[in-house]
Amino acid sequence: MIVVAEDHEDIRYVLKRSLERAGHRVVVAADGAAALAAIREHRPDLVVTDVDMPRMTGLDLCRAIRADDDLRHIPVVVASGSLMPGDAQASDAGASATLLKPFVPAQLLALVAALLPQTTPDTA
């Protein structure tokens, strides 16, 4: 299962749809605080988060995941239109990977496949 944190509804929809078409179960959240609650509840295999969101940024979400002994093993993909190539903010926050916007779904799916344990995607 994958938790997607994205405050823009259209981008959230594209992320969810792309991941579901690839066979993953997806839980979406419209801000970082809601995403952290969903992560604590669902214990996902991976998190995809935007950087600029209300209530808690994606970088703060990443730091919160890394600070929690029960969650720190979860890979986090930071998707951002505000970070520049080579920007260390995401890796400094503990991100497993950075995906620069705009991106095509194939780029997202390739990152997800590289970060998830080599098992078959959820079918539920």
N, C-alpha and C. Protein backbone atom coordinates (compact mmCIF):
# COMPACT_ATOMS: atom_id res chain seq x y z
N MET A 1 0.83 -1.18 0.00
CA MET A 1 0.00 0.00 0.00
C MET A 1 0.88 1.25 0.00
N ILE A 2 0.38 2.29 -0.65
CA ILE A 2 1.12 3.54 -0.78
C ILE A 2 0.26 4.69 -0.27
N VAL A 3 0.84 5.57 0.55
CA VAL A 3 0.17 6.79 0.96
C VAL A 3 0.68 7.92 0.08
N VAL A 4 -0.25 8.68 -0.51
CA VAL A 4 0.07 9.83 -1.35
C VAL A 4 -0.39 11.09 -0.63
N ALA A 5 0.54 12.02 -0.42
CA ALA A 5 0.23 13.31 0.20
C ALA A 5 0.42 14.40 -0.84
N GLU A 6 -0.69 15.02 -1.23
CA GLU A 6 -0.65 16.05 -2.28
C GLU A 6 -1.85 16.97 -2.08
N ASP A 7 -1.60 18.29 -2.01
CA ASP A 7 -2.70 19.21 -1.75
C ASP A 7 -3.48 19.61 -2.99
N HIS A 8 -2.93 19.43 -4.18
CA HIS A 8 -3.65 19.75 -5.41
C HIS A 8 -4.47 18.54 -5.85
N GLU A 9 -5.78 18.73 -5.91
CA GLU A 9 -6.67 17.62 -6.18
C GLU A 9 -6.39 16.92 -7.52
N ASP A 10 -6.10 17.70 -8.57
CA ASP A 10 -5.86 17.09 -9.88
C ASP A 10 -4.59 16.25 -9.88
N ILE A 11 -3.54 16.72 -9.25
CA ILE A 11 -2.29 15.95 -9.18
C ILE A 11 -2.48 14.72 -8.30
N ARG A 12 -3.22 14.89 -7.19
CA ARG A 12 -3.51 13.76 -6.30
C ARG A 12 -4.24 12.67 -7.06
N TYR A 13 -5.20 13.06 -7.90
CA TYR A 13 -5.97 12.10 -8.69
C TYR A 13 -5.05 11.35 -9.67
N VAL A 14 -4.18 12.08 -10.36
CA VAL A 14 -3.28 11.45 -11.33
C VAL A 14 -2.34 10.47 -10.63
N LEU A 15 -1.81 10.87 -9.49
CA LEU A 15 -0.91 9.98 -8.73
C LEU A 15 -1.65 8.72 -8.31
N LYS A 16 -2.83 8.90 -7.72
CA LYS A 16 -3.62 7.75 -7.25
C LYS A 16 -3.97 6.81 -8.40
N ARG A 17 -4.45 7.40 -9.49
CA ARG A 17 -4.87 6.59 -10.63
C ARG A 17 -3.68 5.83 -11.25
N SER A 18 -2.55 6.51 -11.39
CA SER A 18 -1.37 5.86 -11.97
C SER A 18 -0.91 4.70 -11.11
N LEU A 19 -0.87 4.91 -9.82
CA LEU A 19 -0.41 3.85 -8.91
C LEU A 19 -1.41 2.69 -8.86
N GLU A 20 -2.70 3.01 -8.86
CA GLU A 20 -3.71 1.94 -8.84
C GLU A 20 -3.67 1.13 -10.13
N ARG A 21 -3.48 1.79 -11.26
CA ARG A 21 -3.39 1.06 -12.53
C ARG A 21 -2.19 0.11 -12.55
N ALA A 22 -1.16 0.45 -11.76
CA ALA A 22 0.01 -0.43 -11.66
C ALA A 22 -0.20 -1.53 -10.63
N GLY A 23 -1.38 -1.56 -10.00
CA GLY A 23 -1.71 -2.64 -9.08
C GLY A 23 -1.53 -2.35 -7.61
N HIS A 24 -1.27 -1.10 -7.25
CA HIS A 24 -1.05 -0.75 -5.85
C HIS A 24 -2.35 -0.25 -5.21
N ARG A 25 -2.50 -0.52 -3.92
CA ARG A 25 -3.56 0.10 -3.14
C ARG A 25 -3.03 1.47 -2.71
N VAL A 26 -3.89 2.48 -2.73
CA VAL A 26 -3.46 3.85 -2.46
C VAL A 26 -4.40 4.51 -1.47
N VAL A 27 -3.83 5.19 -0.49
CA VAL A 27 -4.57 6.05 0.42
C VAL A 27 -4.06 7.46 0.17
N VAL A 28 -4.98 8.41 -0.03
CA VAL A 28 -4.57 9.79 -0.32
C VAL A 28 -4.85 10.70 0.86
N ALA A 29 -4.03 11.76 0.95
CA ALA A 29 -4.20 12.78 1.98
C ALA A 29 -3.93 14.13 1.32
N ALA A 30 -4.67 15.16 1.76
CA ALA A 30 -4.57 16.47 1.14
C ALA A 30 -3.55 17.39 1.82
N ASP A 31 -2.95 16.92 2.91
CA ASP A 31 -1.90 17.71 3.56
C ASP A 31 -1.00 16.78 4.37
N GLY A 32 0.11 17.33 4.83
CA GLY A 32 1.09 16.51 5.52
C GLY A 32 0.61 15.92 6.83
N ALA A 33 -0.17 16.70 7.59
CA ALA A 33 -0.66 16.20 8.88
C ALA A 33 -1.62 15.03 8.68
N ALA A 34 -2.52 15.14 7.71
CA ALA A 34 -3.44 14.03 7.41
C ALA A 34 -2.66 12.83 6.90
N ALA A 35 -1.60 13.09 6.13
CA ALA A 35 -0.77 11.99 5.62
C ALA A 35 -0.08 11.26 6.76
N LEU A 36 0.45 12.00 7.73
CA LEU A 36 1.12 11.36 8.86
C LEU A 36 0.14 10.48 9.64
N ALA A 37 -1.08 10.96 9.82
CA ALA A 37 -2.10 10.15 10.49
C ALA A 37 -2.39 8.88 9.69
N ALA A 38 -2.50 9.01 8.37
CA ALA A 38 -2.77 7.85 7.51
C ALA A 38 -1.60 6.86 7.55
N ILE A 39 -0.39 7.39 7.59
CA ILE A 39 0.81 6.53 7.65
C ILE A 39 0.82 5.75 8.96
N ARG A 40 0.52 6.42 10.04
CA ARG A 40 0.48 5.74 11.34
C ARG A 40 -0.61 4.68 11.38
N GLU A 41 -1.74 4.96 10.74
CA GLU A 41 -2.86 4.01 10.73
C GLU A 41 -2.61 2.83 9.82
N HIS A 42 -2.13 3.08 8.61
CA HIS A 42 -2.05 2.04 7.58
C HIS A 42 -0.69 1.36 7.43
N ARG A 43 0.37 1.96 7.96
CA ARG A 43 1.73 1.39 7.83
C ARG A 43 2.02 1.02 6.38
N PRO A 44 2.06 2.01 5.48
CA PRO A 44 2.23 1.72 4.06
C PRO A 44 3.63 1.18 3.73
N ASP A 45 3.76 0.64 2.53
CA ASP A 45 5.05 0.17 2.03
C ASP A 45 5.89 1.32 1.49
N LEU A 46 5.21 2.45 1.17
CA LEU A 46 5.89 3.58 0.55
C LEU A 46 5.03 4.83 0.71
N VAL A 47 5.68 5.99 0.75
CA VAL A 47 4.98 7.28 0.81
C VAL A 47 5.46 8.14 -0.35
N VAL A 48 4.51 8.78 -1.03
CA VAL A 48 4.82 9.79 -2.06
C VAL A 48 4.24 11.10 -1.54
N THR A 49 5.09 12.11 -1.38
CA THR A 49 4.62 13.38 -0.83
C THR A 49 5.08 14.58 -1.64
N ASP A 50 4.17 15.53 -1.76
CA ASP A 50 4.50 16.84 -2.31
C ASP A 50 5.31 17.58 -1.25
N VAL A 51 6.04 18.62 -1.63
CA VAL A 51 6.79 19.41 -0.66
C VAL A 51 5.91 20.50 -0.06
N ASP A 52 5.32 21.33 -0.92
CA ASP A 52 4.57 22.50 -0.46
C ASP A 52 3.11 22.15 -0.22
N MET A 53 2.78 21.94 1.08
CA MET A 53 1.41 21.59 1.47
C MET A 53 1.05 22.33 2.74
N PRO A 54 -0.26 22.53 2.98
CA PRO A 54 -0.69 23.15 4.24
C PRO A 54 -0.52 22.20 5.42
N ARG A 55 -0.51 22.77 6.60
CA ARG A 55 -0.48 22.08 7.90
C ARG A 55 0.84 21.38 8.20
N MET A 56 1.50 20.80 7.22
CA MET A 56 2.81 20.18 7.40
C MET A 56 3.40 19.98 6.01
N THR A 57 4.61 20.48 5.80
CA THR A 57 5.23 20.31 4.47
C THR A 57 5.65 18.86 4.27
N GLY A 58 5.93 18.53 3.04
CA GLY A 58 6.42 17.19 2.73
C GLY A 58 7.77 16.91 3.38
N LEU A 59 8.61 17.95 3.49
CA LEU A 59 9.91 17.76 4.14
C LEU A 59 9.72 17.51 5.63
N ASP A 60 8.78 18.23 6.27
CA ASP A 60 8.49 17.99 7.68
C ASP A 60 7.86 16.61 7.88
N LEU A 61 7.03 16.20 6.93
CA LEU A 61 6.45 14.85 6.98
C LEU A 61 7.55 13.81 6.92
N CYS A 62 8.49 14.00 6.03
CA CYS A 62 9.61 13.07 5.89
C CYS A 62 10.41 13.01 7.20
N ARG A 63 10.69 14.16 7.78
CA ARG A 63 11.43 14.20 9.06
C ARG A 63 10.66 13.47 10.16
N ALA A 64 9.32 13.65 10.19
CA ALA A 64 8.49 12.98 11.20
C ALA A 64 8.53 11.47 11.03
N ILE A 65 8.51 11.01 9.79
CA ILE A 65 8.61 9.57 9.52
C ILE A 65 9.96 9.04 9.98
N ARG A 66 11.02 9.74 9.66
CA ARG A 66 12.37 9.30 10.03
C ARG A 66 12.61 9.34 11.54
N ALA A 67 11.87 10.20 12.26
CA ALA A 67 12.03 10.32 13.71
C ALA A 67 11.24 9.26 14.48
N ASP A 68 10.37 8.53 13.79
CA ASP A 68 9.51 7.53 14.43
C ASP A 68 10.09 6.14 14.20
N ASP A 69 10.46 5.47 15.28
CA ASP A 69 11.09 4.14 15.16
C ASP A 69 10.21 3.14 14.41
N ASP A 70 8.90 3.28 14.51
CA ASP A 70 8.00 2.34 13.85
C ASP A 70 7.80 2.64 12.36
N LEU A 71 8.19 3.83 11.93
CA LEU A 71 7.93 4.25 10.55
C LEU A 71 9.19 4.49 9.73
N ARG A 72 10.33 4.66 10.38
CA ARG A 72 11.53 5.15 9.68
C ARG A 72 12.01 4.27 8.53
N HIS A 73 11.58 3.02 8.50
CA HIS A 73 11.99 2.10 7.42
C HIS A 73 11.22 2.34 6.12
N ILE A 74 10.13 3.13 6.17
CA ILE A 74 9.27 3.33 5.01
C ILE A 74 9.96 4.26 4.00
N PRO A 75 10.11 3.82 2.74
CA PRO A 75 10.69 4.71 1.72
C PRO A 75 9.77 5.90 1.46
N VAL A 76 10.38 7.07 1.27
CA VAL A 76 9.62 8.29 1.01
C VAL A 76 10.12 8.92 -0.29
N VAL A 77 9.19 9.12 -1.24
CA VAL A 77 9.49 9.83 -2.48
C VAL A 77 8.94 11.25 -2.33
N VAL A 78 9.82 12.23 -2.46
CA VAL A 78 9.41 13.62 -2.41
C VAL A 78 9.22 14.12 -3.84
N ALA A 79 8.00 14.56 -4.16
CA ALA A 79 7.69 15.09 -5.48
C ALA A 79 7.56 16.60 -5.36
N SER A 80 8.32 17.33 -6.15
CA SER A 80 8.32 18.77 -5.98
C SER A 80 8.54 19.53 -7.28
N GLY A 81 7.84 20.63 -7.39
CA GLY A 81 8.07 21.56 -8.48
C GLY A 81 8.92 22.72 -8.02
N SER A 82 9.22 22.79 -6.72
CA SER A 82 9.97 23.92 -6.18
C SER A 82 11.45 23.60 -5.93
N LEU A 83 11.79 22.33 -5.86
CA LEU A 83 13.20 21.96 -5.67
C LEU A 83 13.91 21.97 -7.02
N MET A 84 15.15 22.34 -7.00
CA MET A 84 15.97 22.36 -8.21
C MET A 84 16.77 21.06 -8.28
N PRO A 85 17.15 20.60 -9.48
CA PRO A 85 18.01 19.42 -9.58
C PRO A 85 19.27 19.61 -8.73
N GLY A 86 19.60 18.60 -7.95
CA GLY A 86 20.78 18.67 -7.09
C GLY A 86 20.52 19.29 -5.73
N ASP A 87 19.29 19.80 -5.49
CA ASP A 87 18.95 20.39 -4.20
C ASP A 87 18.97 19.30 -3.13
N ALA A 88 19.64 19.57 -2.03
CA ALA A 88 19.81 18.55 -0.99
C ALA A 88 18.72 18.57 0.07
N GLN A 89 17.76 19.48 -0.03
CA GLN A 89 16.74 19.58 1.03
C GLN A 89 16.01 18.27 1.28
N ALA A 90 15.61 17.58 0.21
CA ALA A 90 14.84 16.35 0.37
C ALA A 90 15.70 15.25 1.00
N SER A 91 16.91 15.07 0.49
CA SER A 91 17.77 14.04 1.08
C SER A 91 18.16 14.39 2.51
N ASP A 92 18.36 15.67 2.79
CA ASP A 92 18.67 16.09 4.16
C ASP A 92 17.51 15.77 5.11
N ALA A 93 16.28 15.80 4.61
CA ALA A 93 15.10 15.47 5.41
C ALA A 93 14.90 13.97 5.54
N GLY A 94 15.67 13.18 4.79
CA GLY A 94 15.57 11.72 4.87
C GLY A 94 14.82 11.07 3.72
N ALA A 95 14.56 11.82 2.66
CA ALA A 95 13.83 11.25 1.52
C ALA A 95 14.65 10.15 0.86
N SER A 96 13.96 9.12 0.40
CA SER A 96 14.61 8.03 -0.32
C SER A 96 14.89 8.41 -1.76
N ALA A 97 14.05 9.29 -2.32
CA ALA A 97 14.19 9.73 -3.71
C ALA A 97 13.43 11.03 -3.90
N THR A 98 13.84 11.78 -4.93
CA THR A 98 13.16 13.01 -5.29
C THR A 98 12.66 12.90 -6.71
N LEU A 99 11.43 13.31 -6.93
CA LEU A 99 10.81 13.30 -8.24
C LEU A 99 10.44 14.74 -8.57
N LEU A 100 11.11 15.32 -9.56
CA LEU A 100 10.87 16.71 -9.91
C LEU A 100 9.66 16.84 -10.81
N LYS A 101 8.76 17.77 -10.47
CA LYS A 101 7.58 18.06 -11.29
C LYS A 101 7.98 19.04 -12.37
N PRO A 102 7.40 18.96 -13.55
CA PRO A 102 6.42 17.94 -13.97
C PRO A 102 7.10 16.62 -14.29
N PHE A 103 6.39 15.54 -14.04
CA PHE A 103 6.91 14.21 -14.36
C PHE A 103 5.81 13.43 -15.05
N VAL A 104 6.19 12.36 -15.71
CA VAL A 104 5.20 11.48 -16.33
C VAL A 104 5.01 10.28 -15.41
N PRO A 105 3.83 9.66 -15.46
CA PRO A 105 3.58 8.52 -14.57
C PRO A 105 4.65 7.43 -14.63
N ALA A 106 5.23 7.20 -15.80
CA ALA A 106 6.25 6.16 -15.91
C ALA A 106 7.46 6.45 -15.00
N GLN A 107 7.79 7.73 -14.83
CA GLN A 107 8.91 8.08 -13.93
C GLN A 107 8.56 7.73 -12.49
N LEU A 108 7.33 8.05 -12.09
CA LEU A 108 6.86 7.72 -10.74
C LEU A 108 6.88 6.21 -10.53
N LEU A 109 6.32 5.47 -11.48
CA LEU A 109 6.22 4.02 -11.34
C LEU A 109 7.59 3.35 -11.31
N ALA A 110 8.54 3.89 -12.05
CA ALA A 110 9.90 3.33 -12.03
C ALA A 110 10.54 3.55 -10.66
N LEU A 111 10.35 4.73 -10.08
CA LEU A 111 10.88 5.00 -8.73
C LEU A 111 10.23 4.09 -7.70
N VAL A 112 8.91 3.97 -7.77
CA VAL A 112 8.18 3.11 -6.84
C VAL A 112 8.69 1.67 -6.95
N ALA A 113 8.84 1.17 -8.16
CA ALA A 113 9.32 -0.20 -8.36
C ALA A 113 10.72 -0.38 -7.79
N ALA A 114 11.56 0.64 -7.93
CA ALA A 114 12.93 0.54 -7.43
C ALA A 114 12.99 0.56 -5.90
N LEU A 115 12.02 1.24 -5.27
CA LEU A 115 12.06 1.40 -3.81
C LEU A 115 11.28 0.34 -3.04
N LEU A 116 10.29 -0.26 -3.69
CA LEU A 116 9.49 -1.26 -2.98
C LEU A 116 10.22 -2.60 -2.95
N PRO A 117 9.97 -3.37 -1.90
CA PRO A 117 10.51 -4.74 -1.89
C PRO A 117 10.01 -5.48 -3.12
N GLN A 118 10.82 -6.35 -3.64
CA GLN A 118 10.48 -7.04 -4.89
C GLN A 118 9.42 -8.11 -4.65
N THR A 119 8.19 -7.62 -4.50
CA THR A 119 7.03 -8.50 -4.35
C THR A 119 6.01 -8.07 -5.38
N THR A 120 4.95 -8.84 -5.51
CA THR A 120 3.90 -8.44 -6.45
C THR A 120 3.09 -7.32 -5.81
N PRO A 121 2.59 -6.37 -6.61
CA PRO A 121 1.77 -5.29 -6.07
C PRO A 121 0.50 -5.82 -5.42
N ASP A 122 -0.06 -5.03 -4.50
CA ASP A 122 -1.33 -5.38 -3.87
C ASP A 122 -2.40 -5.45 -4.95
N THR A 123 -3.32 -6.36 -4.77
CA THR A 123 -4.41 -6.48 -5.72
C THR A 123 -5.73 -6.10 -5.09
N ALA A 124 -5.74 -5.83 -3.81
CA ALA A 124 -7.00 -5.47 -3.14
C ALA A 124 -7.37 -4.03 -3.39
